[in-house]
Amino acid sequence: MDVTESPIEKPQKDQKRYFSGKQGEHTLKTQVVIRQKSTAIICLEHGLGKVHDFRLFKNSGVKFRELLKVIADKGYQGIAKIHQLSETPIKKPFIKKVDERTEKIQSGTQSLKNCC
């Protein structure tokens, strides 16, 4: 299961609904669900460029049988809550890089908090 984005001309109205921040242009999204062994298309769902992949999935109403294994990309984090037999890559946690100066300031204020 994955989503692909197709660029479109800039719409006259409601431009924000079609603008994809990831692609940096106005798009339509197409969600494709395929059978892995035969590569047969099971389901297609369409949405506006601004819609997140997982929201597109939830709005589509696609239901999987319990014994069917679902393999999806990182855009479908949280699908395990809906379908138990699903697999998505693990997202790396966001780690903010701290420069040396900030680190020294933070460690100094931390020691002040501990002493008082």
PDB file of N, CA and C in Angstrom:
ATOM      1  N   MET A   1       0.851  -1.163   0.000  1.00  0.00           N
ATOM      2  CA  MET A   1       0.000   0.000   0.000  1.00  0.00           C
ATOM      3  C   MET A   1       0.898   1.227   0.000  1.00  0.00           C
ATOM      4  N   ASP A   2       0.606   2.159  -0.905  1.00  0.00           N
ATOM      5  CA  ASP A   2       1.393   3.378  -0.988  1.00  0.00           C
ATOM      6  C   ASP A   2       0.566   4.461  -1.671  1.00  0.00           C
ATOM      7  N   VAL A   3       1.049   5.688  -1.565  1.00  0.00           N
ATOM      8  CA  VAL A   3       0.392   6.836  -2.191  1.00  0.00           C
ATOM      9  C   VAL A   3       1.363   7.470  -3.171  1.00  0.00           C
ATOM     10  N   THR A   4       0.842   7.858  -4.315  1.00  0.00           N
ATOM     11  CA  THR A   4       1.645   8.589  -5.290  1.00  0.00           C
ATOM     12  C   THR A   4       0.965   9.924  -5.559  1.00  0.00           C
ATOM     13  N   GLU A   5       1.765  10.932  -5.891  1.00  0.00           N
ATOM     14  CA  GLU A   5       1.212  12.261  -6.147  1.00  0.00           C
ATOM     15  C   GLU A   5       1.401  12.620  -7.612  1.00  0.00           C
ATOM     16  N   SER A   6       0.350  13.149  -8.220  1.00  0.00           N
ATOM     17  CA  SER A   6       0.392  13.571  -9.614  1.00  0.00           C
ATOM     18  C   SER A   6       0.233  15.080  -9.677  1.00  0.00           C
ATOM     19  N   PRO A   7       1.197  15.786 -10.279  1.00  0.00           N
ATOM     20  CA  PRO A   7       1.090  17.244 -10.355  1.00  0.00           C
ATOM     21  C   PRO A   7      -0.066  17.672 -11.252  1.00  0.00           C
ATOM     22  N   ILE A   8      -0.703  18.776 -10.868  1.00  0.00           N
ATOM     23  CA  ILE A   8      -1.799  19.350 -11.655  1.00  0.00           C
ATOM     24  C   ILE A   8      -1.520  20.832 -11.847  1.00  0.00           C
ATOM     25  N   GLU A   9      -2.283  21.455 -12.749  1.00  0.00           N
ATOM     26  CA  GLU A   9      -2.167  22.903 -12.920  1.00  0.00           C
ATOM     27  C   GLU A   9      -2.704  23.598 -11.678  1.00  0.00           C
ATOM     28  N   LYS A  10      -2.201  24.776 -11.429  1.00  0.00           N
ATOM     29  CA  LYS A  10      -2.637  25.551 -10.266  1.00  0.00           C
ATOM     30  C   LYS A  10      -4.127  25.848 -10.389  1.00  0.00           C
ATOM     31  N   PRO A  11      -4.941  25.375  -9.403  1.00  0.00           N
ATOM     32  CA  PRO A  11      -6.385  25.610  -9.482  1.00  0.00           C
ATOM     33  C   PRO A  11      -6.737  27.080  -9.261  1.00  0.00           C
ATOM     34  N   GLN A  12      -7.864  27.499  -9.832  1.00  0.00           N
ATOM     35  CA  GLN A  12      -8.307  28.884  -9.688  1.00  0.00           C
ATOM     36  C   GLN A  12      -8.829  29.156  -8.279  1.00  0.00           C
ATOM     37  N   LYS A  13      -9.490  28.144  -7.662  1.00  0.00           N
ATOM     38  CA  LYS A  13     -10.052  28.292  -6.325  1.00  0.00           C
ATOM     39  C   LYS A  13      -9.512  27.187  -5.419  1.00  0.00           C
ATOM     40  N   ASP A  14      -9.523  27.438  -4.116  1.00  0.00           N
ATOM     41  CA  ASP A  14      -9.092  26.456  -3.108  1.00  0.00           C
ATOM     42  C   ASP A  14      -7.690  25.909  -3.353  1.00  0.00           C
ATOM     43  N   GLN A  15      -6.740  26.781  -3.652  1.00  0.00           N
ATOM     44  CA  GLN A  15      -5.381  26.343  -3.957  1.00  0.00           C
ATOM     45  C   GLN A  15      -4.727  25.617  -2.786  1.00  0.00           C
ATOM     46  N   LYS A  16      -5.012  26.051  -1.562  1.00  0.00           N
ATOM     47  CA  LYS A  16      -4.383  25.447  -0.384  1.00  0.00           C
ATOM     48  C   LYS A  16      -4.734  23.973  -0.246  1.00  0.00           C
ATOM     49  N   ARG A  17      -5.926  23.579  -0.634  1.00  0.00           N
ATOM     50  CA  ARG A  17      -6.360  22.183  -0.497  1.00  0.00           C
ATOM     51  C   ARG A  17      -5.584  21.258  -1.420  1.00  0.00           C
ATOM     52  N   TYR A  18      -5.076  21.791  -2.529  1.00  0.00           N
ATOM     53  CA  TYR A  18      -4.366  20.971  -3.506  1.00  0.00           C
ATOM     54  C   TYR A  18      -2.850  21.039  -3.356  1.00  0.00           C
ATOM     55  N   PHE A  19      -2.354  21.987  -2.550  1.00  0.00           N
ATOM     56  CA  PHE A  19      -0.902  22.187  -2.469  1.00  0.00           C
ATOM     57  C   PHE A  19      -0.260  21.160  -1.551  1.00  0.00           C
ATOM     58  N   SER A  20       0.726  20.453  -2.069  1.00  0.00           N
ATOM     59  CA  SER A  20       1.474  19.471  -1.302  1.00  0.00           C
ATOM     60  C   SER A  20       2.794  20.094  -0.863  1.00  0.00           C
ATOM     61  N   GLY A  21       2.986  20.220   0.445  1.00  0.00           N
ATOM     62  CA  GLY A  21       4.231  20.779   0.957  1.00  0.00           C
ATOM     63  C   GLY A  21       5.423  19.892   0.637  1.00  0.00           C
ATOM     64  N   LYS A  22       5.195  18.591   0.595  1.00  0.00           N
ATOM     65  CA  LYS A  22       6.272  17.637   0.302  1.00  0.00           C
ATOM     66  C   LYS A  22       6.779  17.803  -1.131  1.00  0.00           C
ATOM     67  N   GLN A  23       5.859  17.928  -2.082  1.00  0.00           N
ATOM     68  CA  GLN A  23       6.237  18.053  -3.488  1.00  0.00           C
ATOM     69  C   GLN A  23       6.498  19.506  -3.889  1.00  0.00           C
ATOM     70  N   GLY A  24       5.942  20.452  -3.129  1.00  0.00           N
ATOM     71  CA  GLY A  24       6.133  21.861  -3.437  1.00  0.00           C
ATOM     72  C   GLY A  24       5.329  22.323  -4.638  1.00  0.00           C
ATOM     73  N   GLU A  25       4.233  21.614  -4.946  1.00  0.00           N
ATOM     74  CA  GLU A  25       3.376  21.986  -6.057  1.00  0.00           C
ATOM     75  C   GLU A  25       1.957  21.488  -5.805  1.00  0.00           C
ATOM     76  N   HIS A  26       1.040  21.848  -6.659  1.00  0.00           N
ATOM     77  CA  HIS A  26      -0.346  21.412  -6.526  1.00  0.00           C
ATOM     78  C   HIS A  26      -0.465  20.000  -7.088  1.00  0.00           C
ATOM     79  N   THR A  27      -1.069  19.101  -6.297  1.00  0.00           N
ATOM     80  CA  THR A  27      -1.132  17.702  -6.699  1.00  0.00           C
ATOM     81  C   THR A  27      -2.468  17.061  -6.338  1.00  0.00           C
ATOM     82  N   LEU A  28      -2.701  15.906  -6.924  1.00  0.00           N
ATOM     83  CA  LEU A  28      -3.756  14.986  -6.521  1.00  0.00           C
ATOM     84  C   LEU A  28      -3.058  13.723  -6.041  1.00  0.00           C
ATOM     85  N   LYS A  29      -3.557  13.137  -4.957  1.00  0.00           N
ATOM     86  CA  LYS A  29      -2.952  11.920  -4.426  1.00  0.00           C
ATOM     87  C   LYS A  29      -3.776  10.716  -4.844  1.00  0.00           C
ATOM     88  N   THR A  30      -3.080   9.615  -5.117  1.00  0.00           N
ATOM     89  CA  THR A  30      -3.732   8.355  -5.436  1.00  0.00           C
ATOM     90  C   THR A  30      -3.143   7.281  -4.541  1.00  0.00           C
ATOM     91  N   GLN A  31      -3.995   6.659  -3.746  1.00  0.00           N
ATOM     92  CA  GLN A  31      -3.574   5.553  -2.887  1.00  0.00           C
ATOM     93  C   GLN A  31      -3.798   4.254  -3.653  1.00  0.00           C
ATOM     94  N   VAL A  32      -2.773   3.411  -3.701  1.00  0.00           N
ATOM     95  CA  VAL A  32      -2.858   2.152  -4.418  1.00  0.00           C
ATOM     96  C   VAL A  32      -2.641   1.010  -3.436  1.00  0.00           C
ATOM     97  N   VAL A  33      -3.577   0.068  -3.431  1.00  0.00           N
ATOM     98  CA  VAL A  33      -3.441  -1.147  -2.627  1.00  0.00           C
ATOM     99  C   VAL A  33      -3.329  -2.297  -3.614  1.00  0.00           C
ATOM    100  N   ILE A  34      -2.196  -3.035  -3.560  1.00  0.00           N
ATOM    101  CA  ILE A  34      -1.986  -4.135  -4.498  1.00  0.00           C
ATOM    102  C   ILE A  34      -1.766  -5.448  -3.758  1.00  0.00           C
ATOM    103  N   ARG A  35      -2.031  -6.533  -4.446  1.00  0.00           N
ATOM    104  CA  ARG A  35      -1.717  -7.862  -3.926  1.00  0.00           C
ATOM    105  C   ARG A  35      -0.264  -8.124  -4.292  1.00  0.00           C
ATOM    106  N   GLN A  36       0.566  -8.431  -3.307  1.00  0.00           N
ATOM    107  CA  GLN A  36       2.003  -8.533  -3.514  1.00  0.00           C
ATOM    108  C   GLN A  36       2.393  -9.663  -4.472  1.00  0.00           C
ATOM    109  N   LYS A  37       1.741 -10.807  -4.356  1.00  0.00           N
ATOM    110  CA  LYS A  37       2.119 -11.955  -5.188  1.00  0.00           C
ATOM    111  C   LYS A  37       1.780 -11.756  -6.661  1.00  0.00           C
ATOM    112  N   SER A  38       0.598 -11.252  -6.939  1.00  0.00           N
ATOM    113  CA  SER A  38       0.168 -11.136  -8.333  1.00  0.00           C
ATOM    114  C   SER A  38       0.269  -9.705  -8.885  1.00  0.00           C
ATOM    115  N   THR A  39       0.590  -8.741  -8.047  1.00  0.00           N
ATOM    116  CA  THR A  39       0.615  -7.305  -8.369  1.00  0.00           C
ATOM    117  C   THR A  39      -0.711  -6.807  -8.950  1.00  0.00           C
ATOM    118  N   ALA A  40      -1.795  -7.477  -8.617  1.00  0.00           N
ATOM    119  CA  ALA A  40      -3.122  -7.025  -9.031  1.00  0.00           C
ATOM    120  C   ALA A  40      -3.573  -5.877  -8.135  1.00  0.00           C
ATOM    121  N   ILE A  41      -4.180  -4.868  -8.728  1.00  0.00           N
ATOM    122  CA  ILE A  41      -4.674  -3.722  -7.966  1.00  0.00           C
ATOM    123  C   ILE A  41      -5.956  -4.119  -7.250  1.00  0.00           C
ATOM    124  N   ILE A  42      -5.960  -3.969  -5.928  1.00  0.00           N
ATOM    125  CA  ILE A  42      -7.128  -4.293  -5.119  1.00  0.00           C
ATOM    126  C   ILE A  42      -8.029  -3.075  -4.974  1.00  0.00           C
ATOM    127  N   CYS A  43      -7.405  -1.920  -4.767  1.00  0.00           N
ATOM    128  CA  CYS A  43      -8.195  -0.730  -4.464  1.00  0.00           C
ATOM    129  C   CYS A  43      -7.430   0.525  -4.857  1.00  0.00           C
ATOM    130  N   LEU A  44      -8.140   1.519  -5.357  1.00  0.00           N
ATOM    131  CA  LEU A  44      -7.595   2.852  -5.628  1.00  0.00           C
ATOM    132  C   LEU A  44      -8.442   3.864  -4.869  1.00  0.00           C
ATOM    133  N   GLU A  45      -7.799   4.872  -4.316  1.00  0.00           N
ATOM    134  CA  GLU A  45      -8.511   5.959  -3.637  1.00  0.00           C
ATOM    135  C   GLU A  45      -7.816   7.263  -4.018  1.00  0.00           C
ATOM    136  N   HIS A  46      -8.573   8.305  -4.259  1.00  0.00           N
ATOM    137  CA  HIS A  46      -8.013   9.591  -4.677  1.00  0.00           C
ATOM    138  C   HIS A  46      -8.301  10.656  -3.626  1.00  0.00           C
ATOM    139  N   GLY A  47      -7.386  11.614  -3.528  1.00  0.00           N
ATOM    140  CA  GLY A  47      -7.558  12.712  -2.587  1.00  0.00           C
ATOM    141  C   GLY A  47      -6.809  13.941  -3.052  1.00  0.00           C
ATOM    142  N   LEU A  48      -6.972  15.024  -2.314  1.00  0.00           N
ATOM    143  CA  LEU A  48      -6.295  16.279  -2.624  1.00  0.00           C
ATOM    144  C   LEU A  48      -4.859  16.239  -2.127  1.00  0.00           C
ATOM    145  N   GLY A  49      -3.994  17.074  -2.687  1.00  0.00           N
ATOM    146  CA  GLY A  49      -2.577  17.065  -2.357  1.00  0.00           C
ATOM    147  C   GLY A  49      -2.251  17.325  -0.902  1.00  0.00           C
ATOM    148  N   LYS A  50      -3.105  18.062  -0.204  1.00  0.00           N
ATOM    149  CA  LYS A  50      -2.828  18.428   1.183  1.00  0.00           C
ATOM    150  C   LYS A  50      -3.135  17.289   2.166  1.00  0.00           C
ATOM    151  N   VAL A  51      -3.918  16.306   1.757  1.00  0.00           N
ATOM    152  CA  VAL A  51      -4.348  15.227   2.639  1.00  0.00           C
ATOM    153  C   VAL A  51      -3.182  14.287   2.943  1.00  0.00           C
ATOM    154  N   HIS A  52      -3.001  13.960   4.223  1.00  0.00           N
ATOM    155  CA  HIS A  52      -1.942  13.044   4.643  1.00  0.00           C
ATOM    156  C   HIS A  52      -2.284  11.621   4.197  1.00  0.00           C
ATOM    157  N   ASP A  53      -1.252  10.809   3.930  1.00  0.00           N
ATOM    158  CA  ASP A  53      -1.446   9.438   3.450  1.00  0.00           C
ATOM    159  C   ASP A  53      -2.363   8.628   4.368  1.00  0.00           C
ATOM    160  N   PHE A  54      -2.129   8.697   5.667  1.00  0.00           N
ATOM    161  CA  PHE A  54      -2.893   7.890   6.611  1.00  0.00           C
ATOM    162  C   PHE A  54      -4.350   8.355   6.672  1.00  0.00           C
ATOM    163  N   ARG A  55      -4.573   9.661   6.590  1.00  0.00           N
ATOM    164  CA  ARG A  55      -5.938  10.184   6.584  1.00  0.00           C
ATOM    165  C   ARG A  55      -6.667   9.728   5.317  1.00  0.00           C
ATOM    166  N   LEU A  56      -5.967   9.703   4.200  1.00  0.00           N
ATOM    167  CA  LEU A  56      -6.559   9.217   2.959  1.00  0.00           C
ATOM    168  C   LEU A  56      -6.990   7.761   3.116  1.00  0.00           C
ATOM    169  N   PHE A  57      -6.156   6.967   3.792  1.00  0.00           N
ATOM    170  CA  PHE A  57      -6.485   5.568   4.051  1.00  0.00           C
ATOM    171  C   PHE A  57      -7.737   5.459   4.931  1.00  0.00           C
ATOM    172  N   LYS A  58      -7.771   6.230   6.014  1.00  0.00           N
ATOM    173  CA  LYS A  58      -8.914   6.166   6.935  1.00  0.00           C
ATOM    174  C   LYS A  58     -10.203   6.626   6.255  1.00  0.00           C
ATOM    175  N   ASN A  59     -10.125   7.656   5.417  1.00  0.00           N
ATOM    176  CA  ASN A  59     -11.305   8.156   4.722  1.00  0.00           C
ATOM    177  C   ASN A  59     -11.782   7.204   3.627  1.00  0.00           C
ATOM    178  N   SER A  60     -10.883   6.372   3.114  1.00  0.00           N
ATOM    179  CA  SER A  60     -11.244   5.471   2.014  1.00  0.00           C
ATOM    180  C   SER A  60     -12.182   4.359   2.469  1.00  0.00           C
ATOM    181  N   GLY A  61     -12.116   3.997   3.748  1.00  0.00           N
ATOM    182  CA  GLY A  61     -12.973   2.938   4.251  1.00  0.00           C
ATOM    183  C   GLY A  61     -12.513   1.543   3.871  1.00  0.00           C
ATOM    184  N   VAL A  62     -11.263   1.402   3.433  1.00  0.00           N
ATOM    185  CA  VAL A  62     -10.725   0.089   3.064  1.00  0.00           C
ATOM    186  C   VAL A  62     -10.630  -0.773   4.318  1.00  0.00           C
ATOM    187  N   LYS A  63     -11.130  -1.988   4.233  1.00  0.00           N
ATOM    188  CA  LYS A  63     -11.059  -2.942   5.345  1.00  0.00           C
ATOM    189  C   LYS A  63     -10.267  -4.161   4.892  1.00  0.00           C
ATOM    190  N   PHE A  64      -9.367  -4.638   5.748  1.00  0.00           N
ATOM    191  CA  PHE A  64      -8.577  -5.827   5.449  1.00  0.00           C
ATOM    192  C   PHE A  64      -9.043  -6.979   6.325  1.00  0.00           C
ATOM    193  N   ARG A  65      -9.018  -8.188   5.769  1.00  0.00           N
ATOM    194  CA  ARG A  65      -9.340  -9.360   6.581  1.00  0.00           C
ATOM    195  C   ARG A  65      -8.269  -9.537   7.641  1.00  0.00           C
ATOM    196  N   GLU A  66      -8.619 -10.188   8.744  1.00  0.00           N
ATOM    197  CA  GLU A  66      -7.715 -10.332   9.884  1.00  0.00           C
ATOM    198  C   GLU A  66      -6.406 -11.026   9.537  1.00  0.00           C
ATOM    199  N   LEU A  67      -6.433 -12.021   8.666  1.00  0.00           N
ATOM    200  CA  LEU A  67      -5.233 -12.803   8.360  1.00  0.00           C
ATOM    201  C   LEU A  67      -4.411 -12.217   7.216  1.00  0.00           C
ATOM    202  N   LEU A  68      -4.820 -11.094   6.675  1.00  0.00           N
ATOM    203  CA  LEU A  68      -4.099 -10.457   5.581  1.00  0.00           C
ATOM    204  C   LEU A  68      -3.009  -9.549   6.144  1.00  0.00           C
ATOM    205  N   LYS A  69      -1.782  -9.732   5.674  1.00  0.00           N
ATOM    206  CA  LYS A  69      -0.669  -8.898   6.136  1.00  0.00           C
ATOM    207  C   LYS A  69      -0.592  -7.639   5.276  1.00  0.00           C
ATOM    208  N   VAL A  70      -0.523  -6.492   5.925  1.00  0.00           N
ATOM    209  CA  VAL A  70      -0.460  -5.209   5.229  1.00  0.00           C
ATOM    210  C   VAL A  70       0.940  -4.629   5.388  1.00  0.00           C
ATOM    211  N   ILE A  71       1.575  -4.303   4.265  1.00  0.00           N
ATOM    212  CA  ILE A  71       2.896  -3.666   4.280  1.00  0.00           C
ATOM    213  C   ILE A  71       2.723  -2.259   3.727  1.00  0.00           C
ATOM    214  N   ALA A  72       3.108  -1.256   4.512  1.00  0.00           N
ATOM    215  CA  ALA A  72       2.907   0.135   4.116  1.00  0.00           C
ATOM    216  C   ALA A  72       4.170   0.938   4.410  1.00  0.00           C
ATOM    217  N   ASP A  73       4.246   2.147   3.863  1.00  0.00           N
ATOM    218  CA  ASP A  73       5.414   2.994   4.108  1.00  0.00           C
ATOM    219  C   ASP A  73       5.235   3.828   5.374  1.00  0.00           C
ATOM    220  N   LYS A  74       6.186   4.739   5.627  1.00  0.00           N
ATOM    221  CA  LYS A  74       6.190   5.517   6.874  1.00  0.00           C
ATOM    222  C   LYS A  74       4.995   6.452   7.011  1.00  0.00           C
ATOM    223  N   GLY A  75       4.333   6.756   5.908  1.00  0.00           N
ATOM    224  CA  GLY A  75       3.162   7.625   5.950  1.00  0.00           C
ATOM    225  C   GLY A  75       1.969   6.986   6.641  1.00  0.00           C
ATOM    226  N   TYR A  76       2.058   5.688   6.921  1.00  0.00           N
ATOM    227  CA  TYR A  76       0.949   4.963   7.533  1.00  0.00           C
ATOM    228  C   TYR A  76       1.248   4.572   8.979  1.00  0.00           C
ATOM    229  N   GLN A  77       2.093   5.347   9.675  1.00  0.00           N
ATOM    230  CA  GLN A  77       2.367   5.078  11.082  1.00  0.00           C
ATOM    231  C   GLN A  77       1.052   5.131  11.849  1.00  0.00           C
ATOM    232  N   GLY A  78       0.781   4.109  12.650  1.00  0.00           N
ATOM    233  CA  GLY A  78      -0.450   4.061  13.415  1.00  0.00           C
ATOM    234  C   GLY A  78      -1.465   3.086  12.845  1.00  0.00           C
ATOM    235  N   ILE A  79      -1.164   2.493  11.691  1.00  0.00           N
ATOM    236  CA  ILE A  79      -2.103   1.541  11.089  1.00  0.00           C
ATOM    237  C   ILE A  79      -2.226   0.277  11.936  1.00  0.00           C
ATOM    238  N   ALA A  80      -1.207  -0.010  12.748  1.00  0.00           N
ATOM    239  CA  ALA A  80      -1.246  -1.203  13.604  1.00  0.00           C
ATOM    240  C   ALA A  80      -2.396  -1.132  14.611  1.00  0.00           C
ATOM    241  N   LYS A  81      -2.830   0.065  14.957  1.00  0.00           N
ATOM    242  CA  LYS A  81      -3.966   0.216  15.869  1.00  0.00           C
ATOM    243  C   LYS A  81      -5.274  -0.197  15.193  1.00  0.00           C
ATOM    244  N   ILE A  82      -5.320  -0.062  13.875  1.00  0.00           N
ATOM    245  CA  ILE A  82      -6.526  -0.403  13.126  1.00  0.00           C
ATOM    246  C   ILE A  82      -6.487  -1.859  12.644  1.00  0.00           C
ATOM    247  N   HIS A  83      -5.310  -2.290  12.148  1.00  0.00           N
ATOM    248  CA  HIS A  83      -5.152  -3.648  11.623  1.00  0.00           C
ATOM    249  C   HIS A  83      -3.933  -4.292  12.285  1.00  0.00           C
ATOM    250  N   GLN A  84      -4.149  -5.368  13.012  1.00  0.00           N
ATOM    251  CA  GLN A  84      -3.095  -5.980  13.825  1.00  0.00           C
ATOM    252  C   GLN A  84      -1.935  -6.526  13.002  1.00  0.00           C
ATOM    253  N   LEU A  85      -2.210  -7.112  11.860  1.00  0.00           N
ATOM    254  CA  LEU A  85      -1.160  -7.732  11.050  1.00  0.00           C
ATOM    255  C   LEU A  85      -0.638  -6.737  10.012  1.00  0.00           C
ATOM    256  N   SER A  86      -0.071  -5.637  10.468  1.00  0.00           N
ATOM    257  CA  SER A  86       0.455  -4.639   9.541  1.00  0.00           C
ATOM    258  C   SER A  86       1.906  -4.335   9.877  1.00  0.00           C
ATOM    259  N   GLU A  87       2.641  -3.883   8.865  1.00  0.00           N
ATOM    260  CA  GLU A  87       4.066  -3.628   9.002  1.00  0.00           C
ATOM    261  C   GLU A  87       4.400  -2.283   8.381  1.00  0.00           C
ATOM    262  N   THR A  88       5.052  -1.412   9.152  1.00  0.00           N
ATOM    263  CA  THR A  88       5.547  -0.138   8.633  1.00  0.00           C
ATOM    264  C   THR A  88       6.964   0.054   9.137  1.00  0.00           C
ATOM    265  N   PRO A  89       7.808   0.762   8.380  1.00  0.00           N
ATOM    266  CA  PRO A  89       9.153   1.048   8.870  1.00  0.00           C
ATOM    267  C   PRO A  89       9.093   1.917  10.119  1.00  0.00           C
ATOM    268  N   ILE A  90      10.074   1.812  10.975  1.00  0.00           N
ATOM    269  CA  ILE A  90      10.112   2.604  12.201  1.00  0.00           C
ATOM    270  C   ILE A  90      10.678   3.980  11.885  1.00  0.00           C
ATOM    271  N   LYS A  91       9.953   5.004  12.301  1.00  0.00           N
ATOM    272  CA  LYS A  91      10.441   6.363  12.113  1.00  0.00           C
ATOM    273  C   LYS A  91      11.523   6.667  13.122  1.00  0.00           C
ATOM    274  N   LYS A  92      12.569   7.347  12.679  1.00  0.00           N
ATOM    275  CA  LYS A  92      13.607   7.777  13.606  1.00  0.00           C
ATOM    276  C   LYS A  92      13.042   8.886  14.481  1.00  0.00           C
ATOM    277  N   PRO A  93      13.361   8.890  15.773  1.00  0.00           N
ATOM    278  CA  PRO A  93      12.867   9.969  16.632  1.00  0.00           C
ATOM    279  C   PRO A  93      13.533  11.289  16.268  1.00  0.00           C
ATOM    280  N   PHE A  94      12.785  12.366  16.435  1.00  0.00           N
ATOM    281  CA  PHE A  94      13.318  13.693  16.148  1.00  0.00           C
ATOM    282  C   PHE A  94      14.313  14.081  17.235  1.00  0.00           C
ATOM    283  N   ILE A  95      15.547  14.340  16.849  1.00  0.00           N
ATOM    284  CA  ILE A  95      16.577  14.756  17.803  1.00  0.00           C
ATOM    285  C   ILE A  95      17.081  16.125  17.371  1.00  0.00           C
ATOM    286  N   LYS A  96      16.875  17.080  18.240  1.00  0.00           N
ATOM    287  CA  LYS A  96      17.301  18.434  17.936  1.00  0.00           C
ATOM    288  C   LYS A  96      18.804  18.549  18.202  1.00  0.00           C
ATOM    289  N   LYS A  97      19.551  19.021  17.199  1.00  0.00           N
ATOM    290  CA  LYS A  97      20.987  19.207  17.367  1.00  0.00           C
ATOM    291  C   LYS A  97      21.229  20.472  18.180  1.00  0.00           C
ATOM    292  N   VAL A  98      22.083  20.357  19.155  1.00  0.00           N
ATOM    293  CA  VAL A  98      22.390  21.491  20.015  1.00  0.00           C
ATOM    294  C   VAL A  98      23.851  21.871  19.809  1.00  0.00           C
ATOM    295  N   ASP A  99      24.094  23.156  19.553  1.00  0.00           N
ATOM    296  CA  ASP A  99      25.484  23.591  19.388  1.00  0.00           C
ATOM    297  C   ASP A  99      26.173  23.708  20.746  1.00  0.00           C
ATOM    298  N   GLU A 100      27.499  23.841  20.735  1.00  0.00           N
ATOM    299  CA  GLU A 100      28.297  23.845  21.982  1.00  0.00           C
ATOM    300  C   GLU A 100      27.875  24.964  22.944  1.00  0.00           C
ATOM    301  N   ARG A 101      27.666  26.148  22.404  1.00  0.00           N
ATOM    302  CA  ARG A 101      27.334  27.298  23.255  1.00  0.00           C
ATOM    303  C   ARG A 101      26.015  27.052  24.010  1.00  0.00           C
ATOM    304  N   THR A 102      25.018  26.573  23.293  1.00  0.00           N
ATOM    305  CA  THR A 102      23.723  26.289  23.904  1.00  0.00           C
ATOM    306  C   THR A 102      23.852  25.186  24.941  1.00  0.00           C
ATOM    307  N   GLU A 103      24.665  24.179  24.629  1.00  0.00           N
ATOM    308  CA  GLU A 103      24.857  23.062  25.553  1.00  0.00           C
ATOM    309  C   GLU A 103      25.484  23.536  26.867  1.00  0.00           C
ATOM    310  N   LYS A 104      26.471  24.437  26.782  1.00  0.00           N
ATOM    311  CA  LYS A 104      27.108  24.971  27.995  1.00  0.00           C
ATOM    312  C   LYS A 104      26.105  25.769  28.835  1.00  0.00           C
ATOM    313  N   ILE A 105      25.292  26.568  28.146  1.00  0.00           N
ATOM    314  CA  ILE A 105      24.285  27.365  28.856  1.00  0.00           C
ATOM    315  C   ILE A 105      23.285  26.446  29.552  1.00  0.00           C
ATOM    316  N   GLN A 106      22.822  25.421  28.833  1.00  0.00           N
ATOM    317  CA  GLN A 106      21.846  24.501  29.405  1.00  0.00           C
ATOM    318  C   GLN A 106      22.419  23.737  30.594  1.00  0.00           C
ATOM    319  N   SER A 107      23.676  23.298  30.498  1.00  0.00           N
ATOM    320  CA  SER A 107      24.270  22.543  31.608  1.00  0.00           C
ATOM    321  C   SER A 107      24.482  23.446  32.822  1.00  0.00           C
ATOM    322  N   GLY A 108      24.790  24.718  32.601  1.00  0.00           N
ATOM    323  CA  GLY A 108      24.949  25.656  33.691  1.00  0.00           C
ATOM    324  C   GLY A 108      23.642  25.929  34.412  1.00  0.00           C
ATOM    325  N   THR A 109      22.589  26.101  33.661  1.00  0.00           N
ATOM    326  CA  THR A 109      21.285  26.346  34.299  1.00  0.00           C
ATOM    327  C   THR A 109      20.772  25.095  34.995  1.00  0.00           C
ATOM    328  N   GLN A 110      21.121  23.930  34.495  1.00  0.00           N
ATOM    329  CA  GLN A 110      20.698  22.686  35.115  1.00  0.00           C
ATOM    330  C   GLN A 110      21.375  22.532  36.488  1.00  0.00           C
ATOM    331  N   SER A 111      22.654  22.884  36.580  1.00  0.00           N
ATOM    332  CA  SER A 111      23.348  22.777  37.859  1.00  0.00           C
ATOM    333  C   SER A 111      22.802  23.777  38.866  1.00  0.00           C
ATOM    334  N   LEU A 112      22.353  24.976  38.382  1.00  0.00           N
ATOM    335  CA  LEU A 112      21.737  25.957  39.272  1.00  0.00           C
ATOM    336  C   LEU A 112      20.402  25.432  39.815  1.00  0.00           C
ATOM    337  N   LYS A 113      19.651  24.751  38.961  1.00  0.00           N
ATOM    338  CA  LYS A 113      18.363  24.206  39.408  1.00  0.00           C
ATOM    339  C   LYS A 113      18.569  23.116  40.470  1.00  0.00           C
ATOM    340  N   ASN A 114      19.630  22.341  40.315  1.00  0.00           N
ATOM    341  CA  ASN A 114      19.900  21.245  41.249  1.00  0.00           C
ATOM    342  C   ASN A 114      20.383  21.720  42.610  1.00  0.00           C
ATOM    343  N   CYS A 115      21.087  22.862  42.632  1.00  0.00           N
ATOM    344  CA  CYS A 115      21.667  23.312  43.902  1.00  0.00           C
ATOM    345  C   CYS A 115      20.635  23.993  44.813  1.00  0.00           C
ATOM    346  N   CYS A 116      19.628  24.583  44.274  1.00  0.00           N
ATOM    347  CA  CYS A 116      18.681  25.352  45.085  1.00  0.00           C
ATOM    348  C   CYS A 116      17.412  24.638  45.402  1.00  0.00           C
TER     349      CYS A 116
END
